[in-house]
Amino acid sequence: MEIKIDEKTKEVLLIDIETYVFINPVSEHVPEEHVGIESISFDDELTRIDFVYIAKQEHGNVSWVHIERNSFIRPVGSDVKYKLIKAINIPYAPNKHFFNCSGQVLRYTLLFPALPKNTKEIDIIEKLAPGTYFNFFRVQLNNKKPLLVSVGNNFN
């Protein structure tokens, strides 16, 4: 993907922005061994969660995945739900992504509204119902020091 930056855009980019990135965060509950969280990053505008899914060998070539449109995240201990804004590289249910063979890897991203900066743990909920949903509980955002990416006009 190519990004073109004009003079007006450069001004916007020079505003201080901090993004916190947590690589391989620890979770108290993982829905299954074939799906994992690669990273969680958030700034003042968005929370981005990058996942990896590996097609199950026992299902052969009939393995598939999708994501529910009503998925959300919430800080642990809060009733505030941050609803899914966009899914990247994974279809919304009822559409499905079919794997060509067992062991095939799919990386996908879910975008949500920004979390409060003091958030220490979140739940990632595809659907609170019986079934095989991608629900992660008590995902820690404080298990290790996050990578802090800062873009700004501090060129002095």
C-alpha atoms as a PDB file:
ATOM      1  CA  MET A   1       0.000   0.000   0.000  1.00  0.00           C
ATOM      2  CA  GLU A   2       1.415   3.356  -0.982  1.00  0.00           C
ATOM      3  CA  ILE A   3       0.627   6.432   1.076  1.00  0.00           C
ATOM      4  CA  LYS A   4       0.981   9.851  -0.500  1.00  0.00           C
ATOM      5  CA  ILE A   5       1.648  12.711   1.876  1.00  0.00           C
ATOM      6  CA  ASP A   6       1.012  16.281   0.814  1.00  0.00           C
ATOM      7  CA  GLU A   7       1.999  19.419   2.753  1.00  0.00           C
ATOM      8  CA  LYS A   8      -1.348  19.562   4.543  1.00  0.00           C
ATOM      9  CA  THR A   9      -1.013  15.940   5.660  1.00  0.00           C
ATOM     10  CA  LYS A  10       2.519  16.603   6.946  1.00  0.00           C
ATOM     11  CA  GLU A  11       1.101  19.172   9.348  1.00  0.00           C
ATOM     12  CA  VAL A  12      -1.295  16.583  10.754  1.00  0.00           C
ATOM     13  CA  LEU A  13       1.518  14.024  11.118  1.00  0.00           C
ATOM     14  CA  LEU A  14       3.615  16.440  13.145  1.00  0.00           C
ATOM     15  CA  ILE A  15       1.105  16.516  15.997  1.00  0.00           C
ATOM     16  CA  ASP A  16       2.329  14.390  18.924  1.00  0.00           C
ATOM     17  CA  ILE A  17       0.844  10.902  18.748  1.00  0.00           C
ATOM     18  CA  GLU A  18       1.615   8.051  21.129  1.00  0.00           C
ATOM     19  CA  THR A  19       0.734   4.463  20.342  1.00  0.00           C
ATOM     20  CA  TYR A  20       1.113   1.722  22.929  1.00  0.00           C
ATOM     21  CA  VAL A  21       1.854  -1.717  21.479  1.00  0.00           C
ATOM     22  CA  PHE A  22       1.651  -4.975  23.433  1.00  0.00           C
ATOM     23  CA  ILE A  23       3.262  -7.959  21.668  1.00  0.00           C
ATOM     24  CA  ASN A  24       1.862 -11.448  22.416  1.00  0.00           C
ATOM     25  CA  PRO A  25      -0.242 -10.352  25.420  1.00  0.00           C
ATOM     26  CA  VAL A  26      -1.093 -12.943  28.063  1.00  0.00           C
ATOM     27  CA  SER A  27      -4.735 -14.031  28.409  1.00  0.00           C
ATOM     28  CA  GLU A  28      -6.440 -15.917  31.239  1.00  0.00           C
ATOM     29  CA  HIS A  29      -8.732 -17.696  28.753  1.00  0.00           C
ATOM     30  CA  VAL A  30      -7.947 -18.517  25.125  1.00  0.00           C
ATOM     31  CA  PRO A  31     -10.842 -19.986  23.103  1.00  0.00           C
ATOM     32  CA  GLU A  32      -8.698 -22.659  21.436  1.00  0.00           C
ATOM     33  CA  GLU A  33      -5.097 -23.448  20.631  1.00  0.00           C
ATOM     34  CA  HIS A  34      -5.419 -22.527  16.952  1.00  0.00           C
ATOM     35  CA  VAL A  35      -6.009 -18.806  17.513  1.00  0.00           C
ATOM     36  CA  GLY A  36      -3.807 -16.259  19.227  1.00  0.00           C
ATOM     37  CA  ILE A  37      -3.296 -12.549  19.717  1.00  0.00           C
ATOM     38  CA  GLU A  38      -0.137 -11.283  18.046  1.00  0.00           C
ATOM     39  CA  SER A  39      -0.417  -7.715  19.270  1.00  0.00           C
ATOM     40  CA  ILE A  40      -2.683  -5.059  20.704  1.00  0.00           C
ATOM     41  CA  SER A  41      -2.027  -1.408  20.013  1.00  0.00           C
ATOM     42  CA  PHE A  42      -3.978   1.657  20.987  1.00  0.00           C
ATOM     43  CA  ASP A  43      -3.707   5.379  20.695  1.00  0.00           C
ATOM     44  CA  ASP A  44      -6.119   8.292  21.119  1.00  0.00           C
ATOM     45  CA  GLU A  45      -8.322   7.152  18.235  1.00  0.00           C
ATOM     46  CA  LEU A  46      -8.294   3.360  17.837  1.00  0.00           C
ATOM     47  CA  THR A  47      -7.585   0.030  19.443  1.00  0.00           C
ATOM     48  CA  ARG A  48      -6.087  -2.443  16.974  1.00  0.00           C
ATOM     49  CA  ILE A  49      -5.887  -6.160  17.728  1.00  0.00           C
ATOM     50  CA  ASP A  50      -3.908  -8.423  15.412  1.00  0.00           C
ATOM     51  CA  PHE A  51      -4.703 -12.138  15.485  1.00  0.00           C
ATOM     52  CA  VAL A  52      -3.307 -15.284  13.915  1.00  0.00           C
ATOM     53  CA  TYR A  53      -5.363 -18.406  13.201  1.00  0.00           C
ATOM     54  CA  ILE A  54      -3.948 -21.741  12.045  1.00  0.00           C
ATOM     55  CA  ALA A  55      -6.345 -24.106  10.252  1.00  0.00           C
ATOM     56  CA  LYS A  56      -6.978 -27.259  12.259  1.00  0.00           C
ATOM     57  CA  GLN A  57      -5.432 -30.436  10.918  1.00  0.00           C
ATOM     58  CA  GLU A  58      -8.318 -32.617  12.047  1.00  0.00           C
ATOM     59  CA  HIS A  59     -10.710 -30.660   9.814  1.00  0.00           C
ATOM     60  CA  GLY A  60      -8.651 -31.044   6.653  1.00  0.00           C
ATOM     61  CA  ASN A  61      -9.809 -28.778   3.858  1.00  0.00           C
ATOM     62  CA  VAL A  62     -13.188 -27.885   5.375  1.00  0.00           C
ATOM     63  CA  SER A  63     -11.856 -25.571   8.061  1.00  0.00           C
ATOM     64  CA  TRP A  64     -13.242 -22.021   8.054  1.00  0.00           C
ATOM     65  CA  VAL A  65     -13.481 -18.864  10.185  1.00  0.00           C
ATOM     66  CA  HIS A  66     -15.451 -15.640  10.353  1.00  0.00           C
ATOM     67  CA  ILE A  67     -16.156 -12.889  12.881  1.00  0.00           C
ATOM     68  CA  GLU A  68     -19.435 -11.597  14.298  1.00  0.00           C
ATOM     69  CA  ARG A  69     -20.264  -7.962  13.467  1.00  0.00           C
ATOM     70  CA  ASN A  70     -21.342  -7.358  17.071  1.00  0.00           C
ATOM     71  CA  SER A  71     -17.938  -8.271  18.523  1.00  0.00           C
ATOM     72  CA  PHE A  72     -16.645  -5.916  21.213  1.00  0.00           C
ATOM     73  CA  ILE A  73     -13.921  -5.307  23.743  1.00  0.00           C
ATOM     74  CA  ARG A  74     -14.342  -4.080  27.291  1.00  0.00           C
ATOM     75  CA  PRO A  75     -12.000  -3.194  30.115  1.00  0.00           C
ATOM     76  CA  VAL A  76     -12.152  -5.920  32.783  1.00  0.00           C
ATOM     77  CA  GLY A  77     -14.527  -4.845  35.555  1.00  0.00           C
ATOM     78  CA  SER A  78     -16.393  -2.399  33.301  1.00  0.00           C
ATOM     79  CA  ASP A  79     -19.741  -2.665  31.559  1.00  0.00           C
ATOM     80  CA  VAL A  80     -18.597  -0.278  28.805  1.00  0.00           C
ATOM     81  CA  LYS A  81     -18.471  -2.077  25.452  1.00  0.00           C
ATOM     82  CA  TYR A  82     -16.269  -0.804  22.628  1.00  0.00           C
ATOM     83  CA  LYS A  83     -17.947  -2.181  19.521  1.00  0.00           C
ATOM     84  CA  LEU A  84     -16.109  -3.491  16.490  1.00  0.00           C
ATOM     85  CA  ILE A  85     -15.526  -0.782  13.886  1.00  0.00           C
ATOM     86  CA  LYS A  86     -13.878  -2.856  11.180  1.00  0.00           C
ATOM     87  CA  ALA A  87     -12.537  -6.341  10.482  1.00  0.00           C
ATOM     88  CA  ILE A  88      -9.572  -6.680   8.127  1.00  0.00           C
ATOM     89  CA  ASN A  89      -8.771  -9.947   6.322  1.00  0.00           C
ATOM     90  CA  ILE A  90     -11.598 -11.920   7.954  1.00  0.00           C
ATOM     91  CA  PRO A  91     -15.210 -11.930   6.720  1.00  0.00           C
ATOM     92  CA  TYR A  92     -18.241 -11.051   8.807  1.00  0.00           C
ATOM     93  CA  ALA A  93     -20.635 -13.905   9.624  1.00  0.00           C
ATOM     94  CA  PRO A  94     -22.397 -15.563   7.897  1.00  0.00           C
ATOM     95  CA  ASN A  95     -19.697 -15.307   5.191  1.00  0.00           C
ATOM     96  CA  LYS A  96     -16.717 -17.601   5.757  1.00  0.00           C
ATOM     97  CA  HIS A  97     -13.017 -17.737   4.987  1.00  0.00           C
ATOM     98  CA  PHE A  98     -12.241 -21.314   3.899  1.00  0.00           C
ATOM     99  CA  PHE A  99      -8.747 -22.702   4.262  1.00  0.00           C
ATOM    100  CA  ASN A 100      -7.087 -24.547   1.384  1.00  0.00           C
ATOM    101  CA  CYS A 101      -5.279 -27.005   3.631  1.00  0.00           C
ATOM    102  CA  SER A 102      -4.666 -27.822   7.277  1.00  0.00           C
ATOM    103  CA  GLY A 103      -1.965 -25.742   8.911  1.00  0.00           C
ATOM    104  CA  GLN A 104      -2.668 -22.726   6.689  1.00  0.00           C
ATOM    105  CA  VAL A 105      -2.201 -19.439   8.543  1.00  0.00           C
ATOM    106  CA  LEU A 106      -4.604 -16.479   8.470  1.00  0.00           C
ATOM    107  CA  ARG A 107      -3.656 -13.166  10.022  1.00  0.00           C
ATOM    108  CA  TYR A 108      -6.491 -10.734  10.631  1.00  0.00           C
ATOM    109  CA  THR A 109      -7.075  -7.444  12.412  1.00  0.00           C
ATOM    110  CA  LEU A 110     -10.012  -6.048  14.372  1.00  0.00           C
ATOM    111  CA  LEU A 111     -10.388  -2.302  14.951  1.00  0.00           C
ATOM    112  CA  PHE A 112     -12.272  -0.844  17.917  1.00  0.00           C
ATOM    113  CA  PRO A 113     -12.656   2.626  19.455  1.00  0.00           C
ATOM    114  CA  ALA A 114      -9.812   3.829  21.673  1.00  0.00           C
ATOM    115  CA  LEU A 115      -9.514   2.382  25.159  1.00  0.00           C
ATOM    116  CA  PRO A 116      -8.856   4.550  28.190  1.00  0.00           C
ATOM    117  CA  LYS A 117      -5.077   4.916  28.606  1.00  0.00           C
ATOM    118  CA  ASN A 118      -5.145   3.423  32.112  1.00  0.00           C
ATOM    119  CA  THR A 119      -6.678   0.116  30.916  1.00  0.00           C
ATOM    120  CA  LYS A 120      -4.739  -2.860  32.328  1.00  0.00           C
ATOM    121  CA  GLU A 121      -6.872  -5.829  31.167  1.00  0.00           C
ATOM    122  CA  ILE A 122      -9.552  -6.332  28.536  1.00  0.00           C
ATOM    123  CA  ASP A 123     -12.008  -8.968  27.428  1.00  0.00           C
ATOM    124  CA  ILE A 124     -12.281  -9.556  23.679  1.00  0.00           C
ATOM    125  CA  ILE A 125     -15.740 -10.902  22.944  1.00  0.00           C
ATOM    126  CA  GLU A 126     -16.949 -12.206  19.607  1.00  0.00           C
ATOM    127  CA  LYS A 127     -20.214 -13.465  21.096  1.00  0.00           C
ATOM    128  CA  LEU A 128     -21.269 -14.366  24.637  1.00  0.00           C
ATOM    129  CA  ALA A 129     -23.076 -17.600  23.823  1.00  0.00           C
ATOM    130  CA  PRO A 130     -22.393 -21.333  23.747  1.00  0.00           C
ATOM    131  CA  GLY A 131     -20.332 -22.299  20.723  1.00  0.00           C
ATOM    132  CA  THR A 132     -16.880 -21.820  19.272  1.00  0.00           C
ATOM    133  CA  TYR A 133     -16.463 -18.070  19.392  1.00  0.00           C
ATOM    134  CA  PHE A 134     -13.208 -16.127  19.594  1.00  0.00           C
ATOM    135  CA  ASN A 135     -13.605 -14.944  23.201  1.00  0.00           C
ATOM    136  CA  PHE A 136     -10.508 -14.002  25.185  1.00  0.00           C
ATOM    137  CA  PHE A 137     -10.872 -13.064  28.844  1.00  0.00           C
ATOM    138  CA  ARG A 138      -8.563 -10.996  31.037  1.00  0.00           C
ATOM    139  CA  VAL A 139      -6.058 -10.129  28.342  1.00  0.00           C
ATOM    140  CA  GLN A 140      -3.281  -8.340  30.193  1.00  0.00           C
ATOM    141  CA  LEU A 141      -2.000  -5.021  28.926  1.00  0.00           C
ATOM    142  CA  ASN A 142       0.471  -4.701  31.769  1.00  0.00           C
ATOM    143  CA  ASN A 143       2.322  -8.027  31.749  1.00  0.00           C
ATOM    144  CA  LYS A 144       5.412  -6.348  30.379  1.00  0.00           C
ATOM    145  CA  LYS A 145       6.459  -2.904  29.341  1.00  0.00           C
ATOM    146  CA  PRO A 146       4.744  -1.984  26.073  1.00  0.00           C
ATOM    147  CA  LEU A 147       6.563  -0.680  23.066  1.00  0.00           C
ATOM    148  CA  LEU A 148       5.835   3.033  22.938  1.00  0.00           C
ATOM    149  CA  VAL A 149       5.777   4.509  19.473  1.00  0.00           C
ATOM    150  CA  SER A 150       5.835   8.293  19.475  1.00  0.00           C
ATOM    151  CA  VAL A 151       5.507  10.419  16.390  1.00  0.00           C
ATOM    152  CA  GLY A 152       5.706  14.118  16.877  1.00  0.00           C
ATOM    153  CA  ASN A 153       7.199  17.478  16.217  1.00  0.00           C
ATOM    154  CA  ASN A 154      10.060  17.099  18.703  1.00  0.00           C
ATOM    155  CA  PHE A 155      12.765  17.875  16.155  1.00  0.00           C
ATOM    156  CA  ASN A 156      14.701  20.308  18.395  1.00  0.00           C
END
